[in-house]
Amino acid sequence: MAGDAVIFLGPPGAGKGTQAARLASELGYKKLSTGDLLREHVAGNTELGQLAKPIMDRGDLVPDDLILAMVREELAGLEAPQVIFDGFPRTIAQARALDKLLAELGIRLRGVLLVDVAQEELIRRLLERAHKEGRSDDNEATIRRRLEVYTQQTQPLVSYYQSTGALRHIEGLGTPEEVYERITGALS
């Protein structure tokens, strides 16, 4: 089983979800979100879903081994996995476990794309999105807190992938088309 994987990292509001979806569509890759995987397993009442549901119902984080079992099952079900991870991994432990899993399955990590956007621009984008979508709970203080948590949690991951040589910084300012061109350039 040979294949390729791309990991998208970036703060809320950076546009990584939009760019990951477009890249997946244009390259014929499958976009994998662990949140989607969890919901699919719970809805399908799979064995893994049955293990995850009570944890999710309590509002707790689903343990890494359960998440990785779902990712393994998903990848093993693909003939020649071509995948984009959006929002995963989130920790060094998850990154190391994913590296090991990809190596086991013969999937090459093509790159880790960090979409960089200045904090003030992120706040502006998220406030605009909150207004458009009627998210009254997304105020500036809440958004700043989310960005702070993201930075604390993700900085070790950024350092980890930088040390492996897989990290590519993508300037997230500009039109979606300009950002997409930077992404495809970083992968070629």
C-alpha atoms as a PDB file:
ATOM      1  CA  MET A   1       0.000   0.000   0.000  1.00  0.00           C
ATOM      2  CA  ALA A   2       1.723   3.182  -1.147  1.00  0.00           C
ATOM      3  CA  GLY A   3       0.252   6.618  -0.826  1.00  0.00           C
ATOM      4  CA  ASP A   4       0.734  10.220   0.189  1.00  0.00           C
ATOM      5  CA  ALA A   5      -0.429  12.294   3.123  1.00  0.00           C
ATOM      6  CA  VAL A   6      -0.561  16.041   3.704  1.00  0.00           C
ATOM      7  CA  ILE A   7      -1.215  17.614   7.091  1.00  0.00           C
ATOM      8  CA  PHE A   8      -2.787  21.056   7.448  1.00  0.00           C
ATOM      9  CA  LEU A   9      -2.043  23.100  10.559  1.00  0.00           C
ATOM     10  CA  GLY A  10      -3.175  26.607  11.341  1.00  0.00           C
ATOM     11  CA  PRO A  11      -5.178  28.661  13.779  1.00  0.00           C
ATOM     12  CA  PRO A  12      -8.947  29.092  13.634  1.00  0.00           C
ATOM     13  CA  GLY A  13      -9.777  31.531  10.845  1.00  0.00           C
ATOM     14  CA  ALA A  14      -6.620  30.880   8.797  1.00  0.00           C
ATOM     15  CA  GLY A  15      -8.627  29.276   5.981  1.00  0.00           C
ATOM     16  CA  LYS A  16      -7.021  25.847   6.274  1.00  0.00           C
ATOM     17  CA  GLY A  17     -10.351  24.004   6.053  1.00  0.00           C
ATOM     18  CA  THR A  18     -11.262  25.771   2.819  1.00  0.00           C
ATOM     19  CA  GLN A  19      -7.809  25.226   1.329  1.00  0.00           C
ATOM     20  CA  ALA A  20      -7.643  21.575   2.473  1.00  0.00           C
ATOM     21  CA  ALA A  21     -11.025  20.868   0.865  1.00  0.00           C
ATOM     22  CA  ARG A  22      -9.938  22.467  -2.412  1.00  0.00           C
ATOM     23  CA  LEU A  23      -6.603  20.640  -2.469  1.00  0.00           C
ATOM     24  CA  ALA A  24      -8.327  17.331  -1.712  1.00  0.00           C
ATOM     25  CA  SER A  25     -10.812  17.904  -4.508  1.00  0.00           C
ATOM     26  CA  GLU A  26      -8.245  18.935  -7.107  1.00  0.00           C
ATOM     27  CA  LEU A  27      -5.695  16.208  -6.253  1.00  0.00           C
ATOM     28  CA  GLY A  28      -8.280  13.481  -5.748  1.00  0.00           C
ATOM     29  CA  TYR A  29      -7.238  13.070  -2.099  1.00  0.00           C
ATOM     30  CA  LYS A  30      -9.565  12.129   0.732  1.00  0.00           C
ATOM     31  CA  LYS A  31      -9.885  14.847   3.391  1.00  0.00           C
ATOM     32  CA  LEU A  32      -9.775  13.272   6.845  1.00  0.00           C
ATOM     33  CA  SER A  33     -11.073  15.106   9.864  1.00  0.00           C
ATOM     34  CA  THR A  34     -10.978  13.174  13.113  1.00  0.00           C
ATOM     35  CA  GLY A  35     -14.125  15.006  14.234  1.00  0.00           C
ATOM     36  CA  ASP A  36     -15.955  13.682  11.170  1.00  0.00           C
ATOM     37  CA  LEU A  37     -14.532  10.194  11.748  1.00  0.00           C
ATOM     38  CA  LEU A  38     -15.742  10.194  15.352  1.00  0.00           C
ATOM     39  CA  ARG A  39     -19.244  11.313  14.333  1.00  0.00           C
ATOM     40  CA  GLU A  40     -19.401   8.676  11.559  1.00  0.00           C
ATOM     41  CA  HIS A  41     -18.382   5.868  13.933  1.00  0.00           C
ATOM     42  CA  VAL A  42     -20.877   6.969  16.594  1.00  0.00           C
ATOM     43  CA  ALA A  43     -23.685   7.355  14.035  1.00  0.00           C
ATOM     44  CA  GLY A  44     -22.829   3.962  12.491  1.00  0.00           C
ATOM     45  CA  ASN A  45     -22.766   2.370  15.945  1.00  0.00           C
ATOM     46  CA  THR A  46     -19.433   0.710  15.114  1.00  0.00           C
ATOM     47  CA  GLU A  47     -17.376  -0.982  17.799  1.00  0.00           C
ATOM     48  CA  LEU A  48     -15.053   2.043  17.930  1.00  0.00           C
ATOM     49  CA  GLY A  49     -18.061   4.375  17.913  1.00  0.00           C
ATOM     50  CA  GLN A  50     -19.559   2.535  20.887  1.00  0.00           C
ATOM     51  CA  LEU A  51     -16.305   3.052  22.794  1.00  0.00           C
ATOM     52  CA  ALA A  52     -16.112   6.752  21.861  1.00  0.00           C
ATOM     53  CA  LYS A  53     -19.756   7.733  22.460  1.00  0.00           C
ATOM     54  CA  PRO A  54     -19.822   7.709  26.289  1.00  0.00           C
ATOM     55  CA  ILE A  55     -16.545   9.648  26.365  1.00  0.00           C
ATOM     56  CA  MET A  56     -17.921  12.257  23.963  1.00  0.00           C
ATOM     57  CA  ASP A  57     -21.234  12.382  25.859  1.00  0.00           C
ATOM     58  CA  ARG A  58     -19.304  13.307  29.013  1.00  0.00           C
ATOM     59  CA  GLY A  59     -17.578  16.078  27.067  1.00  0.00           C
ATOM     60  CA  ASP A  60     -14.160  14.458  27.517  1.00  0.00           C
ATOM     61  CA  LEU A  61     -11.467  14.176  24.865  1.00  0.00           C
ATOM     62  CA  VAL A  62     -11.431  10.838  23.080  1.00  0.00           C
ATOM     63  CA  PRO A  63      -8.096   9.108  23.884  1.00  0.00           C
ATOM     64  CA  ASP A  64      -5.374   9.032  21.253  1.00  0.00           C
ATOM     65  CA  ASP A  65      -5.430   5.239  20.904  1.00  0.00           C
ATOM     66  CA  LEU A  66      -9.113   5.311  19.929  1.00  0.00           C
ATOM     67  CA  ILE A  67      -8.611   8.173  17.455  1.00  0.00           C
ATOM     68  CA  LEU A  68      -5.624   6.384  15.934  1.00  0.00           C
ATOM     69  CA  ALA A  69      -7.581   3.134  15.638  1.00  0.00           C
ATOM     70  CA  MET A  70     -10.202   5.022  13.591  1.00  0.00           C
ATOM     71  CA  VAL A  71      -7.525   6.656  11.430  1.00  0.00           C
ATOM     72  CA  ARG A  72      -5.805   3.265  10.919  1.00  0.00           C
ATOM     73  CA  GLU A  73      -9.105   1.646   9.891  1.00  0.00           C
ATOM     74  CA  GLU A  74      -9.867   4.494   7.488  1.00  0.00           C
ATOM     75  CA  LEU A  75      -6.411   4.370   5.855  1.00  0.00           C
ATOM     76  CA  ALA A  76      -6.382   0.569   5.665  1.00  0.00           C
ATOM     77  CA  GLY A  77      -9.693   0.719   3.798  1.00  0.00           C
ATOM     78  CA  LEU A  78      -8.173   2.806   0.995  1.00  0.00           C
ATOM     79  CA  GLU A  79      -6.455   1.038  -1.891  1.00  0.00           C
ATOM     80  CA  ALA A  80      -3.743   3.660  -2.417  1.00  0.00           C
ATOM     81  CA  PRO A  81      -4.255   6.221   0.350  1.00  0.00           C
ATOM     82  CA  GLN A  82      -4.028   9.813  -0.765  1.00  0.00           C
ATOM     83  CA  VAL A  83      -5.142  11.796   2.276  1.00  0.00           C
ATOM     84  CA  ILE A  84      -5.217  15.259   3.739  1.00  0.00           C
ATOM     85  CA  PHE A  85      -5.419  15.539   7.521  1.00  0.00           C
ATOM     86  CA  ASP A  86      -7.271  18.629   8.692  1.00  0.00           C
ATOM     87  CA  GLY A  87      -7.006  19.315  12.413  1.00  0.00           C
ATOM     88  CA  PHE A  88      -5.017  16.191  13.206  1.00  0.00           C
ATOM     89  CA  PRO A  89      -2.597  15.592  14.800  1.00  0.00           C
ATOM     90  CA  ARG A  90      -3.025  18.045  17.683  1.00  0.00           C
ATOM     91  CA  THR A  91      -0.259  16.842  20.013  1.00  0.00           C
ATOM     92  CA  ILE A  92       3.309  15.535  19.756  1.00  0.00           C
ATOM     93  CA  ALA A  93       2.114  12.097  20.930  1.00  0.00           C
ATOM     94  CA  GLN A  94      -0.461  12.023  18.116  1.00  0.00           C
ATOM     95  CA  ALA A  95       2.151  13.217  15.600  1.00  0.00           C
ATOM     96  CA  ARG A  96       4.596  10.476  16.579  1.00  0.00           C
ATOM     97  CA  ALA A  97       1.878   7.822  16.494  1.00  0.00           C
ATOM     98  CA  LEU A  98       0.708   9.086  13.079  1.00  0.00           C
ATOM     99  CA  ASP A  99       4.306   9.027  11.762  1.00  0.00           C
ATOM    100  CA  LYS A 100       4.599   5.412  12.896  1.00  0.00           C
ATOM    101  CA  LEU A 101       1.234   4.478  11.353  1.00  0.00           C
ATOM    102  CA  LEU A 102       2.078   6.140   8.021  1.00  0.00           C
ATOM    103  CA  ALA A 103       5.438   4.325   7.929  1.00  0.00           C
ATOM    104  CA  GLU A 104       3.737   1.002   8.728  1.00  0.00           C
ATOM    105  CA  LEU A 105       1.277   1.492   5.876  1.00  0.00           C
ATOM    106  CA  GLY A 106       3.902   2.779   3.420  1.00  0.00           C
ATOM    107  CA  ILE A 107       2.331   6.233   3.186  1.00  0.00           C
ATOM    108  CA  ARG A 108       4.734   9.103   2.532  1.00  0.00           C
ATOM    109  CA  LEU A 109       4.227  12.375   4.399  1.00  0.00           C
ATOM    110  CA  ARG A 110       4.352  14.811   1.527  1.00  0.00           C
ATOM    111  CA  GLY A 111       4.326  17.881   3.764  1.00  0.00           C
ATOM    112  CA  VAL A 112       2.927  19.646   6.782  1.00  0.00           C
ATOM    113  CA  LEU A 113       1.403  22.961   5.761  1.00  0.00           C
ATOM    114  CA  LEU A 114       1.178  25.666   8.416  1.00  0.00           C
ATOM    115  CA  VAL A 115      -1.128  28.434   7.215  1.00  0.00           C
ATOM    116  CA  ASP A 116       0.181  31.605   8.899  1.00  0.00           C
ATOM    117  CA  VAL A 117      -2.046  34.624   9.451  1.00  0.00           C
ATOM    118  CA  ALA A 118      -1.382  37.523  11.861  1.00  0.00           C
ATOM    119  CA  GLN A 119      -3.507  37.439  15.018  1.00  0.00           C
ATOM    120  CA  GLU A 120      -5.326  40.734  14.358  1.00  0.00           C
ATOM    121  CA  GLU A 121      -6.375  39.487  10.907  1.00  0.00           C
ATOM    122  CA  LEU A 122      -7.563  36.187  12.430  1.00  0.00           C
ATOM    123  CA  ILE A 123      -9.666  38.100  14.958  1.00  0.00           C
ATOM    124  CA  ARG A 124     -11.144  40.243  12.186  1.00  0.00           C
ATOM    125  CA  ARG A 125     -11.984  37.155  10.088  1.00  0.00           C
ATOM    126  CA  LEU A 126     -13.490  35.243  13.025  1.00  0.00           C
ATOM    127  CA  LEU A 127     -15.603  38.214  14.151  1.00  0.00           C
ATOM    128  CA  GLU A 128     -16.839  38.621  10.578  1.00  0.00           C
ATOM    129  CA  ARG A 129     -17.672  34.899  10.354  1.00  0.00           C
ATOM    130  CA  ALA A 130     -19.403  35.005  13.760  1.00  0.00           C
ATOM    131  CA  HIS A 131     -21.528  37.935  12.584  1.00  0.00           C
ATOM    132  CA  LYS A 132     -22.436  36.245   9.274  1.00  0.00           C
ATOM    133  CA  GLU A 133     -23.288  32.937  10.963  1.00  0.00           C
ATOM    134  CA  GLY A 134     -25.023  34.499  13.971  1.00  0.00           C
ATOM    135  CA  ARG A 135     -22.563  33.066  16.498  1.00  0.00           C
ATOM    136  CA  SER A 136     -23.184  35.381  19.438  1.00  0.00           C
ATOM    137  CA  ASP A 137     -20.809  33.366  21.637  1.00  0.00           C
ATOM    138  CA  ASP A 138     -17.877  34.237  19.345  1.00  0.00           C
ATOM    139  CA  ASN A 139     -16.907  37.634  20.725  1.00  0.00           C
ATOM    140  CA  GLU A 140     -13.441  39.148  20.676  1.00  0.00           C
ATOM    141  CA  ALA A 141     -12.496  37.885  24.169  1.00  0.00           C
ATOM    142  CA  THR A 142     -13.579  34.315  23.321  1.00  0.00           C
ATOM    143  CA  ILE A 143     -11.732  34.429  20.009  1.00  0.00           C
ATOM    144  CA  ARG A 144      -8.539  35.729  21.649  1.00  0.00           C
ATOM    145  CA  ARG A 145      -8.741  32.906  24.207  1.00  0.00           C
ATOM    146  CA  ARG A 146      -9.198  30.282  21.460  1.00  0.00           C
ATOM    147  CA  LEU A 147      -6.164  31.656  19.614  1.00  0.00           C
ATOM    148  CA  GLU A 148      -4.113  31.623  22.829  1.00  0.00           C
ATOM    149  CA  VAL A 149      -5.045  27.985  23.498  1.00  0.00           C
ATOM    150  CA  TYR A 150      -4.289  27.078  19.877  1.00  0.00           C
ATOM    151  CA  THR A 151      -0.829  28.679  20.120  1.00  0.00           C
ATOM    152  CA  GLN A 152      -0.016  26.921  23.411  1.00  0.00           C
ATOM    153  CA  GLN A 153      -1.166  23.540  22.139  1.00  0.00           C
ATOM    154  CA  THR A 154       0.202  23.760  18.616  1.00  0.00           C
ATOM    155  CA  GLN A 155       3.606  25.399  19.076  1.00  0.00           C
ATOM    156  CA  PRO A 156       5.245  22.115  20.171  1.00  0.00           C
ATOM    157  CA  LEU A 157       3.747  20.446  17.079  1.00  0.00           C
ATOM    158  CA  VAL A 158       5.137  23.182  14.836  1.00  0.00           C
ATOM    159  CA  SER A 159       8.586  22.715  16.406  1.00  0.00           C
ATOM    160  CA  TYR A 160       8.310  18.934  16.027  1.00  0.00           C
ATOM    161  CA  TYR A 161       7.505  19.064  12.305  1.00  0.00           C
ATOM    162  CA  GLN A 162      10.096  21.788  11.767  1.00  0.00           C
ATOM    163  CA  SER A 163      12.720  19.450  13.249  1.00  0.00           C
ATOM    164  CA  THR A 164      11.682  16.681  10.832  1.00  0.00           C
ATOM    165  CA  GLY A 165      11.965  19.011   7.829  1.00  0.00           C
ATOM    166  CA  ALA A 166       8.328  18.399   6.836  1.00  0.00           C
ATOM    167  CA  LEU A 167       6.944  21.830   7.841  1.00  0.00           C
ATOM    168  CA  ARG A 168       6.132  24.386   5.145  1.00  0.00           C
ATOM    169  CA  HIS A 169       5.026  27.888   6.170  1.00  0.00           C
ATOM    170  CA  ILE A 170       2.244  29.220   3.959  1.00  0.00           C
ATOM    171  CA  GLU A 171       1.444  32.934   4.034  1.00  0.00           C
ATOM    172  CA  GLY A 172      -2.329  32.981   4.631  1.00  0.00           C
ATOM    173  CA  LEU A 173      -2.967  36.590   3.593  1.00  0.00           C
ATOM    174  CA  GLY A 174      -4.234  37.354   0.127  1.00  0.00           C
ATOM    175  CA  THR A 175      -7.020  35.989  -2.004  1.00  0.00           C
ATOM    176  CA  PRO A 176      -7.966  32.325  -1.608  1.00  0.00           C
ATOM    177  CA  GLU A 177      -6.444  31.788  -5.077  1.00  0.00           C
ATOM    178  CA  GLU A 178      -3.097  33.333  -4.049  1.00  0.00           C
ATOM    179  CA  VAL A 179      -2.961  31.219  -0.877  1.00  0.00           C
ATOM    180  CA  TYR A 180      -3.817  28.097  -2.883  1.00  0.00           C
ATOM    181  CA  GLU A 181      -0.969  28.815  -5.333  1.00  0.00           C
ATOM    182  CA  ARG A 182       1.455  29.073  -2.384  1.00  0.00           C
ATOM    183  CA  ILE A 183       0.181  25.726  -1.075  1.00  0.00           C
ATOM    184  CA  THR A 184       0.591  23.896  -4.374  1.00  0.00           C
ATOM    185  CA  GLY A 185       4.018  25.504  -4.812  1.00  0.00           C
ATOM    186  CA  ALA A 186       5.100  24.279  -1.363  1.00  0.00           C
ATOM    187  CA  LEU A 187       4.060  20.725  -2.233  1.00  0.00           C
ATOM    188  CA  SER A 188       5.807  20.543  -5.593  1.00  0.00           C
END
